[in-house]
Amino acid sequence: MFKKLAVFLFATAAALSASMTAAAPGACLAQCRLDYNECLGSGIDPAACRIELLQCNRDCRYPPA
């Protein structure tokens, strides 16, 4: 249960950081990488962290309208 909550919180934070930094793609991508490293450090499945990283990177390049 804790891991599911952690993944949800990570996804929420990643989406929020991507939307807040949409004007600065370089900073957004850097934030995605920081979030990814934090996800890995928290013990969440690395595959789930990678999926979130890729989604964050896509959101930085193509911000949701």
PDB file of N, CA and C in Angstrom:
ATOM      1  N   MET A   1       0.828  -1.185   0.000  1.00  0.00           N
ATOM      2  CA  MET A   1       0.000   0.000   0.000  1.00  0.00           C
ATOM      3  C   MET A   1       0.873   1.250   0.000  1.00  0.00           C
ATOM      4  N   PHE A   2       1.945   1.216   0.795  1.00  0.00           N
ATOM      5  CA  PHE A   2       2.836   2.371   0.864  1.00  0.00           C
ATOM      6  C   PHE A   2       3.443   2.675  -0.502  1.00  0.00           C
ATOM      7  N   LYS A   3       3.856   1.623  -1.226  1.00  0.00           N
ATOM      8  CA  LYS A   3       4.474   1.843  -2.533  1.00  0.00           C
ATOM      9  C   LYS A   3       3.480   2.429  -3.527  1.00  0.00           C
ATOM     10  N   LYS A   4       2.230   1.986  -3.460  1.00  0.00           N
ATOM     11  CA  LYS A   4       1.217   2.551  -4.351  1.00  0.00           C
ATOM     12  C   LYS A   4       1.007   4.030  -4.053  1.00  0.00           C
ATOM     13  N   LEU A   5       0.969   4.366  -2.783  1.00  0.00           N
ATOM     14  CA  LEU A   5       0.823   5.768  -2.396  1.00  0.00           C
ATOM     15  C   LEU A   5       2.036   6.573  -2.837  1.00  0.00           C
ATOM     16  N   ALA A   6       3.218   6.008  -2.677  1.00  0.00           N
ATOM     17  CA  ALA A   6       4.436   6.704  -3.079  1.00  0.00           C
ATOM     18  C   ALA A   6       4.464   6.944  -4.585  1.00  0.00           C
ATOM     19  N   VAL A   7       4.055   5.944  -5.366  1.00  0.00           N
ATOM     20  CA  VAL A   7       4.012   6.111  -6.827  1.00  0.00           C
ATOM     21  C   VAL A   7       3.002   7.189  -7.196  1.00  0.00           C
ATOM     22  N   PHE A   8       1.845   7.175  -6.545  1.00  0.00           N
ATOM     23  CA  PHE A   8       0.841   8.201  -6.819  1.00  0.00           C
ATOM     24  C   PHE A   8       1.383   9.594  -6.505  1.00  0.00           C
ATOM     25  N   LEU A   9       2.011   9.745  -5.352  1.00  0.00           N
ATOM     26  CA  LEU A   9       2.552  11.051  -4.978  1.00  0.00           C
ATOM     27  C   LEU A   9       3.666  11.480  -5.921  1.00  0.00           C
ATOM     28  N   PHE A  10       4.501  10.538  -6.334  1.00  0.00           N
ATOM     29  CA  PHE A  10       5.561  10.856  -7.280  1.00  0.00           C
ATOM     30  C   PHE A  10       4.962  11.316  -8.610  1.00  0.00           C
ATOM     31  N   ALA A  11       3.958  10.604  -9.094  1.00  0.00           N
ATOM     32  CA  ALA A  11       3.331  10.965 -10.358  1.00  0.00           C
ATOM     33  C   ALA A  11       2.695  12.342 -10.276  1.00  0.00           C
ATOM     34  N   THR A  12       2.053  12.620  -9.163  1.00  0.00           N
ATOM     35  CA  THR A  12       1.431  13.929  -8.973  1.00  0.00           C
ATOM     36  C   THR A  12       2.487  15.025  -8.957  1.00  0.00           C
ATOM     37  N   ALA A  13       3.561  14.806  -8.236  1.00  0.00           N
ATOM     38  CA  ALA A  13       4.634  15.800  -8.162  1.00  0.00           C
ATOM     39  C   ALA A  13       5.292  15.994  -9.518  1.00  0.00           C
ATOM     40  N   ALA A  14       5.493  14.919 -10.241  1.00  0.00           N
ATOM     41  CA  ALA A  14       6.115  15.014 -11.558  1.00  0.00           C
ATOM     42  C   ALA A  14       5.227  15.803 -12.518  1.00  0.00           C
ATOM     43  N   ALA A  15       3.944  15.519 -12.499  1.00  0.00           N
ATOM     44  CA  ALA A  15       3.018  16.243 -13.373  1.00  0.00           C
ATOM     45  C   ALA A  15       2.965  17.716 -13.007  1.00  0.00           C
ATOM     46  N   LEU A  16       2.953  18.007 -11.730  1.00  0.00           N
ATOM     47  CA  LEU A  16       2.920  19.393 -11.286  1.00  0.00           C
ATOM     48  C   LEU A  16       4.192  20.120 -11.667  1.00  0.00           C
ATOM     49  N   SER A  17       5.337  19.502 -11.456  1.00  0.00           N
ATOM     50  CA  SER A  17       6.592  20.166 -11.792  1.00  0.00           C
ATOM     51  C   SER A  17       6.704  20.373 -13.302  1.00  0.00           C
ATOM     52  N   ALA A  18       6.203  19.425 -14.075  1.00  0.00           N
ATOM     53  CA  ALA A  18       6.244  19.566 -15.530  1.00  0.00           C
ATOM     54  C   ALA A  18       5.350  20.707 -15.992  1.00  0.00           C
ATOM     55  N   SER A  19       4.187  20.832 -15.398  1.00  0.00           N
ATOM     56  CA  SER A  19       3.282  21.894 -15.829  1.00  0.00           C
ATOM     57  C   SER A  19       3.768  23.268 -15.376  1.00  0.00           C
ATOM     58  N   MET A  20       4.418  23.333 -14.231  1.00  0.00           N
ATOM     59  CA  MET A  20       4.900  24.624 -13.728  1.00  0.00           C
ATOM     60  C   MET A  20       6.093  25.128 -14.520  1.00  0.00           C
ATOM     61  N   THR A  21       6.879  24.239 -15.083  1.00  0.00           N
ATOM     62  CA  THR A  21       8.082  24.658 -15.783  1.00  0.00           C
ATOM     63  C   THR A  21       7.971  24.483 -17.292  1.00  0.00           C
ATOM     64  N   ALA A  22       6.757  24.482 -17.801  1.00  0.00           N
ATOM     65  CA  ALA A  22       6.558  24.275 -19.234  1.00  0.00           C
ATOM     66  C   ALA A  22       7.222  25.367 -20.060  1.00  0.00           C
ATOM     67  N   ALA A  23       7.375  26.547 -19.513  1.00  0.00           N
ATOM     68  CA  ALA A  23       7.990  27.645 -20.244  1.00  0.00           C
ATOM     69  C   ALA A  23       9.500  27.463 -20.376  1.00  0.00           C
ATOM     70  N   ALA A  24      10.090  26.659 -19.541  1.00  0.00           N
ATOM     71  CA  ALA A  24      11.539  26.435 -19.571  1.00  0.00           C
ATOM     72  C   ALA A  24      11.813  24.931 -19.696  1.00  0.00           C
ATOM     73  N   PRO A  25      11.803  24.397 -20.925  1.00  0.00           N
ATOM     74  CA  PRO A  25      11.946  22.953 -21.100  1.00  0.00           C
ATOM     75  C   PRO A  25      13.220  22.379 -20.480  1.00  0.00           C
ATOM     76  N   GLY A  26      14.328  23.097 -20.546  1.00  0.00           N
ATOM     77  CA  GLY A  26      15.565  22.592 -19.962  1.00  0.00           C
ATOM     78  C   GLY A  26      15.437  22.395 -18.467  1.00  0.00           C
ATOM     79  N   ALA A  27      14.835  23.350 -17.790  1.00  0.00           N
ATOM     80  CA  ALA A  27      14.628  23.237 -16.345  1.00  0.00           C
ATOM     81  C   ALA A  27      13.626  22.137 -16.041  1.00  0.00           C
ATOM     82  N   CYS A  28      12.637  21.993 -16.888  1.00  0.00           N
ATOM     83  CA  CYS A  28      11.623  20.957 -16.692  1.00  0.00           C
ATOM     84  C   CYS A  28      12.255  19.569 -16.796  1.00  0.00           C
ATOM     85  N   LEU A  29      13.079  19.366 -17.795  1.00  0.00           N
ATOM     86  CA  LEU A  29      13.726  18.072 -17.969  1.00  0.00           C
ATOM     87  C   LEU A  29      14.675  17.777 -16.808  1.00  0.00           C
ATOM     88  N   ALA A  30      15.339  18.799 -16.326  1.00  0.00           N
ATOM     89  CA  ALA A  30      16.223  18.617 -15.173  1.00  0.00           C
ATOM     90  C   ALA A  30      15.413  18.210 -13.945  1.00  0.00           C
ATOM     91  N   GLN A  31      14.247  18.817 -13.773  1.00  0.00           N
ATOM     92  CA  GLN A  31      13.387  18.471 -12.645  1.00  0.00           C
ATOM     93  C   GLN A  31      12.882  17.040 -12.772  1.00  0.00           C
ATOM     94  N   CYS A  32      12.594  16.608 -13.987  1.00  0.00           N
ATOM     95  CA  CYS A  32      12.174  15.215 -14.208  1.00  0.00           C
ATOM     96  C   CYS A  32      13.273  14.262 -13.738  1.00  0.00           C
ATOM     97  N   ARG A  33      14.506  14.611 -14.055  1.00  0.00           N
ATOM     98  CA  ARG A  33      15.627  13.750 -13.665  1.00  0.00           C
ATOM     99  C   ARG A  33      15.786  13.721 -12.148  1.00  0.00           C
ATOM    100  N   LEU A  34      15.619  14.869 -11.507  1.00  0.00           N
ATOM    101  CA  LEU A  34      15.693  14.913 -10.041  1.00  0.00           C
ATOM    102  C   LEU A  34      14.581  14.072  -9.420  1.00  0.00           C
ATOM    103  N   ASP A  35      13.379  14.192  -9.968  1.00  0.00           N
ATOM    104  CA  ASP A  35      12.255  13.395  -9.465  1.00  0.00           C
ATOM    105  C   ASP A  35      12.511  11.905  -9.658  1.00  0.00           C
ATOM    106  N   TYR A  36      13.109  11.556 -10.791  1.00  0.00           N
ATOM    107  CA  TYR A  36      13.432  10.159 -11.080  1.00  0.00           C
ATOM    108  C   TYR A  36      14.433   9.615 -10.059  1.00  0.00           C
ATOM    109  N   ASN A  37      15.470  10.381  -9.788  1.00  0.00           N
ATOM    110  CA  ASN A  37      16.464   9.946  -8.805  1.00  0.00           C
ATOM    111  C   ASN A  37      15.846   9.809  -7.417  1.00  0.00           C
ATOM    112  N   GLU A  38      14.943  10.708  -7.068  1.00  0.00           N
ATOM    113  CA  GLU A  38      14.250  10.620  -5.779  1.00  0.00           C
ATOM    114  C   GLU A  38      13.372   9.377  -5.729  1.00  0.00           C
ATOM    115  N   CYS A  39      12.712   9.081  -6.840  1.00  0.00           N
ATOM    116  CA  CYS A  39      11.866   7.885  -6.920  1.00  0.00           C
ATOM    117  C   CYS A  39      12.704   6.626  -6.703  1.00  0.00           C
ATOM    118  N   LEU A  40      13.839   6.558  -7.382  1.00  0.00           N
ATOM    119  CA  LEU A  40      14.710   5.395  -7.226  1.00  0.00           C
ATOM    120  C   LEU A  40      15.205   5.267  -5.793  1.00  0.00           C
ATOM    121  N   GLY A  41      15.529   6.391  -5.177  1.00  0.00           N
ATOM    122  CA  GLY A  41      16.034   6.388  -3.813  1.00  0.00           C
ATOM    123  C   GLY A  41      14.990   6.016  -2.780  1.00  0.00           C
ATOM    124  N   SER A  42      13.717   6.132  -3.137  1.00  0.00           N
ATOM    125  CA  SER A  42      12.661   5.843  -2.180  1.00  0.00           C
ATOM    126  C   SER A  42      12.287   4.369  -2.144  1.00  0.00           C
ATOM    127  N   GLY A  43      12.892   3.567  -3.017  1.00  0.00           N
ATOM    128  CA  GLY A  43      12.627   2.134  -2.994  1.00  0.00           C
ATOM    129  C   GLY A  43      11.480   1.690  -3.884  1.00  0.00           C
ATOM    130  N   ILE A  44      10.941   2.577  -4.679  1.00  0.00           N
ATOM    131  CA  ILE A  44       9.874   2.222  -5.617  1.00  0.00           C
ATOM    132  C   ILE A  44      10.492   1.406  -6.752  1.00  0.00           C
ATOM    133  N   ASP A  45       9.706   0.529  -7.341  1.00  0.00           N
ATOM    134  CA  ASP A  45      10.159  -0.308  -8.445  1.00  0.00           C
ATOM    135  C   ASP A  45      10.797   0.572  -9.536  1.00  0.00           C
ATOM    136  N   PRO A  46      12.029   0.280  -9.930  1.00  0.00           N
ATOM    137  CA  PRO A  46      12.699   1.090 -10.944  1.00  0.00           C
ATOM    138  C   PRO A  46      11.922   1.193 -12.254  1.00  0.00           C
ATOM    139  N   ALA A  47      11.185   0.157 -12.620  1.00  0.00           N
ATOM    140  CA  ALA A  47      10.390   0.211 -13.852  1.00  0.00           C
ATOM    141  C   ALA A  47       9.298   1.272 -13.739  1.00  0.00           C
ATOM    142  N   ALA A  48       8.663   1.375 -12.576  1.00  0.00           N
ATOM    143  CA  ALA A  48       7.624   2.388 -12.366  1.00  0.00           C
ATOM    144  C   ALA A  48       8.248   3.786 -12.404  1.00  0.00           C
ATOM    145  N   CYS A  49       9.432   3.922 -11.816  1.00  0.00           N
ATOM    146  CA  CYS A  49      10.125   5.215 -11.839  1.00  0.00           C
ATOM    147  C   CYS A  49      10.452   5.621 -13.272  1.00  0.00           C
ATOM    148  N   ARG A  50      10.881   4.663 -14.074  1.00  0.00           N
ATOM    149  CA  ARG A  50      11.236   4.958 -15.471  1.00  0.00           C
ATOM    150  C   ARG A  50      10.012   5.385 -16.266  1.00  0.00           C
ATOM    151  N   ILE A  51       8.891   4.726 -16.045  1.00  0.00           N
ATOM    152  CA  ILE A  51       7.653   5.107 -16.736  1.00  0.00           C
ATOM    153  C   ILE A  51       7.292   6.552 -16.398  1.00  0.00           C
ATOM    154  N   GLU A  52       7.399   6.894 -15.134  1.00  0.00           N
ATOM    155  CA  GLU A  52       7.085   8.268 -14.714  1.00  0.00           C
ATOM    156  C   GLU A  52       8.077   9.269 -15.309  1.00  0.00           C
ATOM    157  N   LEU A  53       9.348   8.879 -15.396  1.00  0.00           N
ATOM    158  CA  LEU A  53      10.365   9.753 -15.997  1.00  0.00           C
ATOM    159  C   LEU A  53      10.030  10.023 -17.456  1.00  0.00           C
ATOM    160  N   LEU A  54       9.695   8.979 -18.181  1.00  0.00           N
ATOM    161  CA  LEU A  54       9.374   9.154 -19.597  1.00  0.00           C
ATOM    162  C   LEU A  54       8.137  10.027 -19.797  1.00  0.00           C
ATOM    163  N   GLN A  55       7.136   9.845 -18.936  1.00  0.00           N
ATOM    164  CA  GLN A  55       5.928  10.668 -19.038  1.00  0.00           C
ATOM    165  C   GLN A  55       6.245  12.126 -18.709  1.00  0.00           C
ATOM    166  N   CYS A  56       7.051  12.326 -17.696  1.00  0.00           N
ATOM    167  CA  CYS A  56       7.447  13.684 -17.321  1.00  0.00           C
ATOM    168  C   CYS A  56       8.195  14.349 -18.480  1.00  0.00           C
ATOM    169  N   ASN A  57       9.117  13.619 -19.105  1.00  0.00           N
ATOM    170  CA  ASN A  57       9.859  14.167 -20.240  1.00  0.00           C
ATOM    171  C   ASN A  57       8.923  14.544 -21.385  1.00  0.00           C
ATOM    172  N   ARG A  58       7.934  13.686 -21.660  1.00  0.00           N
ATOM    173  CA  ARG A  58       6.953  14.002 -22.712  1.00  0.00           C
ATOM    174  C   ARG A  58       6.164  15.250 -22.352  1.00  0.00           C
ATOM    175  N   ASP A  59       5.779  15.363 -21.073  1.00  0.00           N
ATOM    176  CA  ASP A  59       5.014  16.535 -20.651  1.00  0.00           C
ATOM    177  C   ASP A  59       5.836  17.820 -20.773  1.00  0.00           C
ATOM    178  N   CYS A  60       7.140  17.713 -20.572  1.00  0.00           N
ATOM    179  CA  CYS A  60       7.997  18.888 -20.719  1.00  0.00           C
ATOM    180  C   CYS A  60       8.067  19.335 -22.173  1.00  0.00           C
ATOM    181  N   ARG A  61       8.142  18.362 -23.057  1.00  0.00           N
ATOM    182  CA  ARG A  61       8.268  18.697 -24.480  1.00  0.00           C
ATOM    183  C   ARG A  61       6.932  19.110 -25.097  1.00  0.00           C
ATOM    184  N   TYR A  62       5.872  18.478 -24.639  1.00  0.00           N
ATOM    185  CA  TYR A  62       4.531  18.745 -25.170  1.00  0.00           C
ATOM    186  C   TYR A  62       3.584  18.969 -23.996  1.00  0.00           C
ATOM    187  N   PRO A  63       3.617  20.146 -23.387  1.00  0.00           N
ATOM    188  CA  PRO A  63       2.795  20.390 -22.194  1.00  0.00           C
ATOM    189  C   PRO A  63       1.311  20.170 -22.485  1.00  0.00           C
ATOM    190  N   PRO A  64       0.606  19.553 -21.542  1.00  0.00           N
ATOM    191  CA  PRO A  64      -0.833  19.359 -21.728  1.00  0.00           C
ATOM    192  C   PRO A  64      -1.550  20.704 -21.804  1.00  0.00           C
ATOM    193  N   ALA A  65      -2.513  20.767 -22.663  1.00  0.00           N
ATOM    194  CA  ALA A  65      -3.240  22.032 -22.854  1.00  0.00           C
ATOM    195  C   ALA A  65      -4.262  22.243 -21.771  1.00  0.00           C
TER     196      ALA A  65
END
